[in-house]
Protein backbone atom coordinates (compact mmCIF):
# COMPACT_ATOMS: atom_id res chain seq x y z
CA UNK A 1 103.37 118.67 83.91
CA UNK A 2 105.31 115.64 84.82
CA UNK A 3 107.27 113.37 81.95
CA UNK A 4 105.48 109.74 81.65
CA UNK A 5 107.69 107.13 80.43
CA UNK A 6 105.72 103.83 79.36
CA UNK A 7 107.23 100.51 79.94
CA UNK A 8 107.28 97.79 77.55
CA UNK A 9 105.67 100.96 75.15
CA UNK A 10 108.92 103.26 74.69
CA UNK A 11 111.37 101.46 76.73
CA UNK A 12 111.71 97.42 76.55
CA UNK A 13 112.33 97.42 80.36
CA UNK A 14 112.19 99.57 83.58
CA UNK A 15 115.91 99.96 83.62
CA UNK A 16 115.98 101.56 80.23
CA UNK A 17 113.09 103.92 81.45
CA UNK A 18 115.35 104.43 84.71
CA UNK A 19 118.12 105.28 82.45
CA UNK A 20 116.58 108.26 80.47
CA UNK A 21 113.90 109.82 83.09
CA UNK A 22 114.46 112.98 84.34
CA UNK A 23 113.56 114.27 87.48
CA UNK A 24 109.81 114.65 88.77
CA UNK A 25 109.21 112.23 85.76
CA UNK A 26 106.50 109.08 86.20
CA UNK A 27 107.38 105.36 85.07
CA UNK A 28 104.41 103.92 84.21
CA UNK A 29 104.14 100.40 83.76
CA UNK A 30 101.84 98.46 82.09
CA UNK A 31 100.44 94.99 83.27
CA UNK A 32 102.56 92.12 83.32
CA UNK A 33 105.59 90.56 85.23
CA UNK A 34 108.81 92.40 84.93
CA UNK A 35 112.02 89.81 85.75
CA UNK A 36 114.45 92.75 86.43
CA UNK A 37 116.30 94.54 89.85
CA UNK A 38 115.15 98.78 90.22
CA UNK A 39 118.14 100.63 91.88
CA UNK A 40 117.21 104.26 92.23
CA UNK A 41 120.06 106.32 93.73
CA UNK A 42 119.63 110.29 94.40
CA UNK A 43 116.69 111.15 92.31
CA UNK A 44 113.03 112.13 92.29
CA UNK A 45 110.69 110.01 90.78
CA UNK A 46 107.29 108.11 90.67
CA UNK A 47 106.99 104.52 89.43
CA UNK A 48 103.37 103.74 89.29
CA UNK A 49 100.93 100.60 87.85
CA UNK A 50 98.98 101.76 84.85
CA UNK A 51 96.30 99.33 85.67
CA UNK A 52 94.81 98.19 88.77
CA UNK A 53 96.85 97.97 92.09
CA UNK A 54 98.90 95.13 91.77
CA UNK A 55 99.07 94.26 87.89
CA UNK A 56 102.39 95.22 87.43
CA UNK A 57 104.95 92.73 89.07
CA UNK A 58 108.39 92.99 89.74
CA UNK A 59 109.85 89.56 90.07
CA UNK A 60 113.60 89.20 91.66
CA UNK A 61 113.46 86.15 93.19
CA UNK A 62 115.94 84.56 91.15
CA UNK A 63 118.30 87.79 90.76
CA UNK A 64 121.28 88.94 93.21
CA UNK A 65 119.29 91.79 95.38
CA UNK A 66 116.16 93.34 96.38
CA UNK A 67 113.47 94.03 93.94
CA UNK A 68 113.33 97.55 94.77
CA UNK A 69 116.69 99.50 96.11
CA UNK A 70 116.48 103.04 96.92
CA UNK A 71 119.29 105.05 97.81
CA UNK A 72 118.92 108.65 99.08
CA UNK A 73 116.22 111.06 96.86
CA UNK A 74 112.57 110.53 96.87
CA UNK A 75 110.77 108.04 95.17
CA UNK A 76 107.22 106.94 95.16
CA UNK A 77 105.95 103.52 93.95
CA UNK A 78 102.17 103.01 93.67
CA UNK A 79 100.44 99.57 93.10
CA UNK A 80 103.39 97.72 92.10
CA UNK A 81 104.00 94.05 93.59
CA UNK A 82 107.67 93.33 94.53
CA UNK A 83 108.64 89.82 94.80
CA UNK A 84 112.50 88.90 95.86
CA UNK A 85 114.32 85.93 97.02
CA UNK A 86 116.91 86.04 99.83
CA UNK A 87 116.87 89.31 100.24
CA UNK A 88 114.55 92.18 100.93
CA UNK A 89 111.57 92.83 98.44
CA UNK A 90 112.54 96.53 98.87
CA UNK A 91 114.86 98.29 100.56
CA UNK A 92 115.58 102.32 101.51
CA UNK A 93 118.92 103.63 102.50
CA UNK A 94 118.11 107.45 103.61
CA UNK A 95 115.74 109.53 101.35
CA UNK A 96 112.00 109.19 101.23
CA UNK A 97 110.60 106.29 99.67
CA UNK A 98 106.57 106.81 99.47
CA UNK A 99 104.75 103.14 99.18
CA UNK A 100 101.30 102.99 98.45
CA UNK A 101 99.11 100.31 97.47
CA UNK A 102 101.86 97.77 96.81
CA UNK A 103 102.41 94.29 97.82
CA UNK A 104 105.72 92.88 99.07
CA UNK A 105 106.93 89.50 99.39
CA UNK A 106 110.74 87.90 100.54
CA UNK A 107 112.14 84.33 100.83
CA UNK A 108 114.82 84.97 103.61
CA UNK A 109 114.66 88.60 103.59
CA UNK A 110 112.61 91.32 104.91
CA UNK A 111 109.33 92.55 103.16
CA UNK A 112 110.86 96.41 103.69
CA UNK A 113 113.65 97.28 105.28
CA UNK A 114 114.83 100.72 105.90
CA UNK A 115 117.93 102.29 107.30
CA UNK A 116 120.51 105.00 107.65
CA UNK A 117 118.00 107.77 108.50
CA UNK A 118 115.64 106.97 105.66
CA UNK A 119 112.22 107.71 105.93
CA UNK A 120 109.25 105.38 104.33
CA UNK A 121 105.48 106.61 104.12
CA UNK A 122 103.59 103.50 103.65
CA UNK A 123 99.73 102.74 103.48
CA UNK A 124 97.83 100.09 102.12
CA UNK A 125 100.93 98.03 101.59
CA UNK A 126 100.81 94.37 102.00
CA UNK A 127 104.04 91.89 103.48
CA UNK A 128 102.69 88.24 102.64
CA UNK A 129 105.45 86.69 102.89
CA UNK A 130 109.08 87.05 103.99
CA UNK A 131 111.66 86.29 107.05
CA UNK A 132 110.22 89.61 108.58
CA UNK A 133 107.42 92.06 107.57
CA UNK A 134 109.23 95.98 108.30
CA UNK A 135 112.41 96.37 109.40
CA UNK A 136 113.39 99.98 110.31
CA UNK A 137 116.89 100.56 111.68
CA UNK A 138 117.83 104.25 112.59
CA UNK A 139 114.98 105.20 110.52
CA UNK A 140 111.36 106.82 110.47
CA UNK A 141 108.21 107.61 108.91
CA UNK A 142 104.57 106.20 108.65
CA UNK A 143 103.10 103.40 108.37
CA UNK A 144 99.33 103.03 107.71
CA UNK A 145 96.76 100.90 107.06
CA UNK A 146 98.94 98.28 106.21
CA UNK A 147 98.88 94.41 106.85
CA UNK A 148 101.93 91.88 107.24
CA UNK A 149 100.72 88.39 107.30
CA UNK A 150 102.16 85.08 107.84
CA UNK A 151 106.16 85.73 107.64
CA UNK A 152 108.44 83.24 109.56
CA UNK A 153 109.87 85.49 111.91
CA UNK A 154 109.09 88.73 113.30
CA UNK A 155 106.32 90.76 111.94
CA UNK A 156 107.57 94.40 112.39
CA UNK A 157 111.53 95.20 113.59
CA UNK A 158 112.20 98.63 115.11
CA UNK A 159 115.69 99.32 116.16
CA UNK A 160 118.60 101.48 116.32
CA UNK A 161 116.72 104.57 117.56
CA UNK A 162 114.36 104.26 114.80
CA UNK A 163 110.80 106.22 115.48
CA UNK A 164 108.30 105.42 112.83
CA UNK A 165 104.45 106.02 113.36
CA UNK A 166 102.60 102.59 112.90
CA UNK A 167 98.88 103.06 112.64
CA UNK A 168 96.26 101.39 111.65
CA UNK A 169 98.26 98.24 110.61
CA UNK A 170 97.46 94.45 111.41
CA UNK A 171 99.96 92.29 111.99
CA UNK A 172 98.92 88.10 112.36
CA UNK A 173 100.03 85.04 111.83
CA UNK A 174 103.83 85.87 112.37
CA UNK A 175 106.20 82.42 113.16
CA UNK A 176 107.92 84.86 116.29
CA UNK A 177 106.85 88.23 117.36
CA UNK A 178 104.37 90.52 116.07
CA UNK A 179 106.67 93.59 116.93
CA UNK A 180 110.12 93.42 118.66
CA UNK A 181 111.49 96.97 119.40
CA UNK A 182 115.21 97.16 120.55
CA UNK A 183 118.34 98.63 120.91
CA UNK A 184 116.68 102.48 121.96
CA UNK A 185 113.77 101.59 119.08
CA UNK A 186 111.09 104.44 119.85
CA UNK A 187 108.26 103.49 117.55
CA UNK A 188 104.46 104.96 118.14
CA UNK A 189 102.31 101.80 117.91
CA UNK A 190 98.60 103.41 117.47
CA UNK A 191 95.18 101.19 116.60
CA UNK A 192 96.89 98.55 115.24
CA UNK A 193 95.67 94.72 115.48
CA UNK A 194 98.41 92.02 116.55
CA UNK A 195 97.55 88.42 116.69
CA UNK A 196 98.54 84.54 115.61
CA UNK A 197 101.86 84.80 116.68
CA UNK A 198 104.23 82.16 117.59
CA UNK A 199 105.77 84.05 120.63
CA UNK A 200 104.98 87.31 122.16
CA UNK A 201 102.42 89.98 120.44
CA UNK A 202 104.92 93.09 121.35
CA UNK A 203 108.45 92.54 123.06
CA UNK A 204 110.74 95.69 124.11
CA UNK A 205 114.31 95.21 124.56
CA UNK A 206 117.59 96.97 125.05
CA UNK A 207 116.84 100.49 125.99
CA UNK A 208 112.90 100.51 123.73
CA UNK A 209 110.51 102.71 124.81
CA UNK A 210 107.72 102.63 122.48
CA UNK A 211 103.98 104.27 122.77
CA UNK A 212 101.51 101.97 122.17
CA UNK A 213 97.94 103.31 122.05
CA UNK A 214 94.43 101.46 121.76
CA UNK A 215 95.83 98.20 119.92
CA UNK A 216 94.55 95.35 120.41
CA UNK A 217 97.16 92.11 121.24
CA UNK A 218 95.15 88.95 121.08
CA UNK A 219 95.77 85.26 120.78
CA UNK A 220 99.29 85.20 120.64
CA UNK A 221 101.36 82.20 121.99
CA UNK A 222 103.57 84.20 123.99
CA UNK A 223 102.94 87.04 126.85
CA UNK A 224 100.78 90.02 124.96
CA UNK A 225 103.23 92.86 125.63
CA UNK A 226 106.79 92.26 127.56
CA UNK A 227 109.08 95.12 128.86
CA UNK A 228 112.71 93.80 129.38
CA UNK A 229 115.34 95.32 132.08
CA UNK A 230 115.53 99.25 132.00
CA UNK A 231 112.98 99.61 129.22
CA UNK A 232 110.23 102.28 129.57
CA UNK A 233 107.50 103.61 127.20
CA UNK A 234 103.62 103.59 127.50
CA UNK A 235 100.97 101.38 126.80
CA UNK A 236 97.89 103.60 126.56
CA UNK A 237 94.23 102.19 126.23
CA UNK A 238 94.97 99.08 124.74
CA UNK A 239 93.42 95.46 125.05
CA UNK A 240 95.28 92.38 125.85
CA UNK A 241 93.34 89.16 125.65
CA UNK A 242 93.60 85.13 124.71
CA UNK A 243 97.42 85.41 125.64
CA UNK A 244 100.01 83.55 127.53
CA UNK A 245 99.77 84.91 131.62
CA UNK A 246 100.71 87.93 132.23
CA UNK A 247 99.57 89.70 129.40
CA UNK A 248 101.58 92.36 130.21
CA UNK A 249 105.06 91.35 131.22
CA UNK A 250 107.16 94.08 132.83
CA UNK A 251 110.77 93.34 134.08
CA UNK A 252 111.40 94.70 138.04
CA UNK A 253 113.81 97.48 135.90
CA UNK A 254 111.44 98.61 133.21
CA UNK A 255 109.05 101.54 134.11
CA UNK A 256 106.48 101.71 131.39
CA UNK A 257 103.17 103.41 131.88
CA UNK A 258 100.52 100.77 131.34
CA UNK A 259 96.90 101.42 131.25
CA UNK A 260 94.58 98.77 130.14
CA UNK A 261 90.95 98.83 128.55
CA UNK A 262 89.35 96.24 130.21
CA UNK A 263 85.90 96.28 128.14
CA UNK A 264 85.60 96.19 124.57
CA UNK A 265 88.43 95.63 122.27
CA UNK A 266 89.51 98.61 120.15
CA UNK A 267 89.12 99.24 116.91
CA UNK A 268 92.20 98.06 115.60
CA UNK A 269 94.10 97.29 112.17
CA UNK A 270 94.00 97.73 108.48
CA UNK A 271 91.08 100.05 107.72
CA UNK A 272 91.03 101.93 111.14
CA UNK A 273 91.52 105.89 110.55
CA UNK A 274 90.50 109.10 112.45
CA UNK A 275 87.01 110.14 111.43
CA UNK A 276 86.77 107.37 108.83
CA UNK A 277 82.78 107.01 110.08
CA UNK A 278 81.52 110.26 108.87
CA UNK A 279 83.77 110.02 105.37
CA UNK A 280 82.52 106.22 104.86
CA UNK A 281 78.92 107.12 105.52
CA UNK A 282 78.74 109.23 102.57
CA UNK A 283 80.40 106.45 100.62
CA UNK A 284 78.21 103.86 101.40
CA UNK A 285 75.29 106.08 100.37
CA UNK A 286 76.93 107.16 97.06
CA UNK A 287 77.24 103.14 96.49
CA UNK A 288 73.67 102.15 97.32
CA UNK A 289 72.23 105.00 94.76
CA UNK A 290 74.66 103.36 92.24
CA UNK A 291 73.07 100.33 93.00
CA UNK A 292 69.77 101.56 92.57
CA UNK A 293 70.22 103.44 89.61
CA UNK A 294 71.04 99.44 87.78
CA UNK A 295 67.94 98.65 85.90
CA UNK A 296 65.92 95.59 87.67
CA UNK A 297 67.30 93.44 90.09
CA UNK A 298 64.70 94.29 92.61
CA UNK A 299 65.26 91.31 94.62
CA UNK A 300 69.27 91.20 94.64
CA UNK A 301 69.11 94.78 95.53
CA UNK A 302 66.81 94.45 98.52
CA UNK A 303 69.35 91.49 99.27
CA UNK A 304 72.50 94.17 99.34
CA UNK A 305 70.78 96.45 101.34
CA UNK A 306 69.48 93.88 104.15
CA UNK A 307 73.33 92.79 103.95
CA UNK A 308 74.48 96.27 104.64
CA UNK A 309 71.60 96.85 107.34
CA UNK A 310 72.95 93.83 109.12
CA UNK A 311 76.79 94.90 109.26
CA UNK A 312 75.98 98.66 110.20
CA UNK A 313 73.51 97.14 113.01
CA UNK A 314 76.88 94.63 113.94
CA UNK A 315 79.11 97.76 114.30
CA UNK A 316 77.02 99.53 116.27
CA UNK A 317 76.72 96.81 118.89
CA UNK A 318 79.99 96.24 118.93
CA UNK A 319 79.97 99.74 119.66
CA UNK A 320 77.99 99.27 122.82
CA UNK A 321 79.66 96.48 124.10
CA UNK A 322 77.46 93.61 122.99
CA UNK A 323 77.77 90.47 121.80
CA UNK A 324 77.99 90.11 118.00
CA UNK A 325 78.56 86.69 116.12
CA UNK A 326 80.83 85.52 113.33
CA UNK A 327 79.66 86.95 110.14
CA UNK A 328 80.75 85.39 106.59
CA UNK A 329 80.72 88.12 103.82
CA UNK A 330 80.91 85.38 101.17
CA UNK A 331 78.00 84.93 98.63
CA UNK A 332 76.77 83.03 95.98
CA UNK A 333 75.04 84.66 92.81
CA UNK A 334 72.61 82.50 90.45
CA UNK A 335 71.24 83.64 87.19
CA UNK A 336 71.88 83.57 83.52
CA UNK A 337 74.64 85.37 81.93
CA UNK A 338 74.28 89.30 81.10
CA UNK A 339 72.06 89.68 84.50
CA UNK A 340 74.65 92.34 86.40
CA UNK A 341 76.35 89.79 88.62
CA UNK A 342 79.91 91.51 87.89
CA UNK A 343 78.83 94.72 88.50
CA UNK A 344 76.76 93.85 91.82
CA UNK A 345 80.17 92.08 93.19
CA UNK A 346 82.46 95.21 92.33
CA UNK A 347 79.77 97.55 93.92
CA UNK A 348 79.66 95.14 96.88
CA UNK A 349 83.22 95.18 97.33
CA UNK A 350 83.58 99.08 97.61
CA UNK A 351 80.40 98.66 100.23
CA UNK A 352 82.36 96.31 102.21
CA UNK A 353 85.38 98.55 102.08
CA UNK A 354 83.49 101.97 102.97
CA UNK A 355 81.72 100.04 105.82
CA UNK A 356 85.45 99.39 107.26
CA UNK A 357 85.06 95.59 106.46
CA UNK A 358 87.50 94.86 103.94
CA UNK A 359 90.49 96.94 103.77
CA UNK A 360 90.85 97.78 100.12
CA UNK A 361 87.72 96.33 98.81
CA UNK A 362 89.58 95.69 95.40
CA UNK A 363 87.72 93.23 92.77
CA UNK A 364 89.51 90.20 91.48
CA UNK A 365 87.80 87.75 88.68
CA UNK A 366 89.06 84.64 88.13
CA UNK A 367 87.99 81.35 86.52
CA UNK A 368 88.45 77.58 86.34
CA UNK A 369 91.83 78.02 84.71
CA UNK A 370 93.04 80.57 87.09
CA UNK A 371 92.35 77.91 89.96
CA UNK A 372 93.24 74.61 88.53
CA UNK A 373 96.70 72.97 87.88
CA UNK A 374 97.76 69.96 85.87
CA UNK A 375 99.52 67.66 88.16
CA UNK A 376 98.87 66.73 91.90
CA UNK A 377 99.19 69.71 94.46
CA UNK A 378 99.47 72.34 91.37
CA UNK A 379 95.84 73.06 91.82
CA UNK A 380 96.47 73.95 95.98
CA UNK A 381 99.49 76.35 95.18
CA UNK A 382 97.47 78.51 92.34
CA UNK A 383 94.37 78.47 94.50
CA UNK A 384 96.17 79.89 97.32
CA UNK A 385 98.23 82.08 95.57
CA UNK A 386 95.03 83.78 93.95
CA UNK A 387 92.88 83.72 97.37
CA UNK A 388 95.76 85.55 98.81
CA UNK A 389 96.35 88.11 96.38
CA UNK A 390 92.46 88.63 96.49
CA UNK A 391 93.37 89.36 100.35
CA UNK A 392 91.57 92.20 101.70
CA UNK A 393 89.22 92.58 98.66
CA UNK A 394 86.58 90.66 96.71
CA UNK A 395 87.37 87.34 94.87
CA UNK A 396 84.63 86.67 92.19
CA UNK A 397 84.75 83.16 90.55
CA UNK A 398 82.49 83.34 87.38
CA UNK A 399 81.24 79.62 86.44
CA UNK A 400 82.34 78.16 89.66
CA UNK A 401 80.70 74.98 88.88
CA UNK A 402 82.96 74.19 86.17
CA UNK A 403 85.15 73.40 89.45
CA UNK A 404 82.92 70.54 90.46
CA UNK A 405 84.05 67.01 89.45
CA UNK A 406 82.36 65.70 86.71
CA UNK A 407 80.94 62.27 86.93
CA UNK A 408 83.54 61.41 89.85
CA UNK A 409 86.42 61.84 87.77
CA UNK A 410 89.63 61.52 90.23
CA UNK A 411 91.67 63.21 87.56
CA UNK A 412 89.90 66.23 87.56
CA UNK A 413 91.76 68.83 89.50
CA UNK A 414 88.58 70.85 90.19
CA UNK A 415 87.67 69.35 93.10
CA UNK A 416 91.36 70.16 94.99
CA UNK A 417 90.54 73.65 94.08
CA UNK A 418 86.98 73.57 95.91
CA UNK A 419 88.75 71.67 98.78
CA UNK A 420 91.45 74.24 99.02
CA UNK A 421 88.79 77.22 98.71
CA UNK A 422 86.31 75.90 101.71
CA UNK A 423 89.63 75.56 104.22
CA UNK A 424 90.70 79.20 103.00
CA UNK A 425 87.36 80.90 103.44
CA UNK A 426 86.98 79.80 107.03
CA UNK A 427 90.25 81.16 108.27
CA UNK A 428 90.28 84.24 106.08
CA UNK A 429 86.39 85.21 106.53
CA UNK A 430 87.15 88.04 107.99
CA UNK A 431 89.73 89.36 105.36
CA UNK A 432 87.84 88.57 101.93
CA UNK A 433 84.44 88.21 100.30
CA UNK A 434 84.27 85.20 98.19
CA UNK A 435 81.86 85.10 95.76
CA UNK A 436 80.45 82.25 93.34
CA UNK A 437 78.67 82.70 90.15
CA UNK A 438 76.76 80.91 87.97
CA UNK A 439 73.72 78.98 86.48
CA UNK A 440 71.31 78.35 88.93
CA UNK A 441 70.65 74.34 88.57
CA UNK A 442 74.76 74.36 88.05
CA UNK A 443 75.77 76.08 91.27
CA UNK A 444 73.36 73.60 93.32
CA UNK A 445 75.42 70.77 92.09
CA UNK A 446 78.71 73.03 93.11
CA UNK A 447 77.75 73.06 96.33
CA UNK A 448 77.43 69.44 96.84
CA UNK A 449 80.97 69.03 95.69
CA UNK A 450 81.87 69.50 99.61
CA UNK A 451 80.03 68.58 102.52
CA UNK A 452 81.25 72.18 103.92
CA UNK A 453 81.27 74.41 101.16
CA UNK A 454 77.41 75.75 101.07
CA UNK A 455 77.70 76.87 104.97
CA UNK A 456 80.73 79.26 103.97
CA UNK A 457 78.40 81.40 102.02
CA UNK A 458 76.09 83.90 103.87
CA UNK A 459 73.59 84.48 101.15
CA UNK A 460 72.30 83.30 97.83
CA UNK A 461 71.20 86.05 95.04
CA UNK A 462 69.11 85.10 92.33
CA UNK A 463 69.89 87.29 89.38
CA UNK A 464 66.51 86.75 87.17
CA UNK A 465 66.26 87.07 83.01
CA UNK A 466 65.52 90.70 82.18
CA UNK A 467 61.86 91.60 80.48
CA UNK A 468 61.50 93.05 77.64
CA UNK A 469 60.77 96.62 79.27
CA UNK A 470 64.34 96.04 80.98
CA UNK A 471 66.04 95.52 77.57
CA UNK A 472 64.68 98.18 76.25
CA UNK A 473 65.65 100.63 78.90
CA UNK A 474 68.99 98.86 78.82
CA UNK A 475 69.58 99.74 75.18
CA UNK A 476 68.84 102.89 75.60
CA UNK A 477 71.38 103.87 78.27
CA UNK A 478 73.86 101.85 76.15
CA UNK A 479 73.09 103.85 73.41
CA UNK A 480 73.26 107.44 75.14
CA UNK A 481 76.16 106.65 76.89
CA UNK A 482 77.47 106.51 73.22
CA UNK A 483 75.64 109.45 72.03
CA UNK A 484 73.27 108.06 70.09
CA UNK A 485 69.21 108.26 70.41
CA UNK A 486 66.20 106.33 69.33
CA UNK A 487 64.20 107.64 66.44
CA UNK A 488 60.17 108.04 66.88
CA UNK A 489 58.84 104.29 67.31
CA UNK A 490 62.31 102.27 67.29
CA UNK A 491 61.80 101.43 71.08
CA UNK A 492 58.42 99.85 70.28
CA UNK A 493 60.23 98.03 67.55
CA UNK A 494 62.99 96.91 70.27
CA UNK A 495 60.34 95.85 72.82
CA UNK A 496 58.79 93.85 70.14
CA UNK A 497 61.98 92.15 69.19
CA UNK A 498 63.20 91.30 72.49
CA UNK A 499 59.36 89.66 73.41
CA UNK A 500 60.19 87.38 70.99
CA UNK A 501 63.84 86.05 71.98
CA UNK A 502 63.91 82.72 73.66
CA UNK A 503 64.89 83.19 76.98
CA UNK A 504 66.78 79.64 76.35
CA UNK A 505 70.16 78.73 77.94
CA UNK A 506 72.30 80.70 75.44
CA UNK A 507 70.24 83.83 76.25
CA UNK A 508 72.56 86.64 77.13
CA UNK A 509 70.21 89.27 78.74
CA UNK A 510 72.26 92.82 78.61
CA UNK A 511 74.78 91.11 76.36
CA UNK A 512 71.91 90.59 73.96
CA UNK A 513 71.24 94.49 73.87
CA UNK A 514 74.42 95.40 73.58
CA UNK A 515 75.28 93.01 70.76
CA UNK A 516 71.81 94.39 69.07
CA UNK A 517 72.84 98.05 69.34
CA UNK A 518 76.95 97.07 67.93
CA UNK A 519 74.68 95.38 64.64
CA UNK A 520 72.69 98.64 64.50
CA UNK A 521 75.70 100.62 64.32
CA UNK A 522 77.49 98.87 61.76
CA UNK A 523 73.65 98.83 59.94
CA UNK A 524 73.98 102.84 60.36
CA UNK A 525 77.37 103.17 59.15
CA UNK A 526 76.20 101.40 55.66
CA UNK A 527 73.26 103.80 55.31
CA UNK A 528 75.04 106.88 56.21
CA UNK A 529 77.75 106.31 53.48
CA UNK A 530 75.05 105.53 51.22
CA UNK A 531 73.16 108.96 51.60
CA UNK A 532 75.65 110.54 48.74
CA UNK A 533 75.98 113.42 50.94
CA UNK A 534 77.63 114.56 54.46
CA UNK A 535 75.11 113.54 57.29
CA UNK A 536 73.99 116.00 59.75
CA UNK A 537 74.79 115.85 63.42
CA UNK A 538 71.03 114.23 63.74
CA UNK A 539 72.03 111.93 61.58
CA UNK A 540 74.83 110.88 63.07
CA UNK A 541 73.11 110.01 66.22
CA UNK A 542 69.86 108.18 65.30
CA UNK A 543 69.17 104.98 65.32
CA UNK A 544 66.29 104.44 62.89
CA UNK A 545 63.65 101.33 62.53
CA UNK A 546 65.71 100.12 59.05
CA UNK A 547 69.06 99.68 61.35
CA UNK A 548 66.87 97.47 63.65
CA UNK A 549 66.00 95.38 60.70
CA UNK A 550 69.00 95.23 59.09
CA UNK A 551 70.92 94.33 62.35
CA UNK A 552 68.50 91.12 62.86
CA UNK A 553 68.22 89.67 59.42
């Protein structure tokens, strides 16, 4: 079994853990920001975020070097964010580096730079900032289901004979070229989506010879694909559209084999993998079964199923070469607290991932304090950062109505957050699902805060208060999950209690059931301590009427 070193538990810093970690060890990072640089040379280690992907951040912006430098050895990194200044966020020199569900940001440098025979295996990695996205120099490996967005220069560079396989990856909104292959680079670019570049989508020069298969190059300022003098390679079943003319520009002395697809754009970009449809269908059914198992919420369940049905039919239409209208996956959840809004939002994100709509379906919950700053311009910066962090998944904004400017107070920067969200939601509607939640009336006022806000959302789902029968079932499920059972007659007493509760603004629905059970657990503890004997297993498991009466006094 691998040795696990916890940071900052047993070790104050990651460097401390690296110093003593034996080969094969796992360094587990608690959620938080670590202002340090990591250098791993000739070692076999795993560095893993202990919490959700992105919960551990290596912050090296002000430090002199990359956030992570791997020299030789074999290193695996999972779920970590790396941020650097004027250096690459991550470098690999020789050896093997595996990156899974990581996020890379740099200032002047690249997100990832691999050279000197390094092998990089990157999956579900996002590069969100940097001069370049991924740079391979005399290196190889596999890049699968990754994203490179918004870098200032080239998205992916392959040079000096490098031969990585780049599969099911999205390269978008780069300042210069999407992919630049030169100095005898020989990459395989398979089922990738390249768009929004400041110049050409793919440029091949100086003896480059890529194999470009079933990829979609579109909406570029320059030509779609350009082959320079003497270059070769293959372009097979690719779609090139909405680019500068000509779509594919081949120098007279170049000799690539080019076959374009003039029909429907191929499935390309992050989230596209072999056999994904078969695997995802089973996951969709499992998630819908999980949704159905929730108590109550009949209307919400029907609405979610209708959304999923529409997505599936649109996919069939797209596959048949039929037109499909632009779809928004942003939703409004209205209703009182404790009605399952957060749980449904999580399931919805996983469903979108299973359907191939979102690349990861990860869930990020925020509130006003995460979005609103303290001075002019700070709010837009904070809101944009939160939005970018949620790309590929679900951004859930609870009590969203608190962002609306109260009484027109100009000093309230919540309005700035709303205005920023409106633009981001439109610009990236295919890359994130924003769900705003709150009380029904207040959410109506929230939508009035910006004239374009309501149109950004596909649908409003109303979460109604739970009735007494449903609250008894919720209480029973919570109790059974914690190895408690209700004594005879207790369910009837609970029903009477829940029937008498006032359904006002402070009514907490499922939270009321959970709070009551906590009180009953304390009451049971006092009752069992007073028995004067060791309680039996049945005694320890049973909630009785006296426990309820004590809890509600």
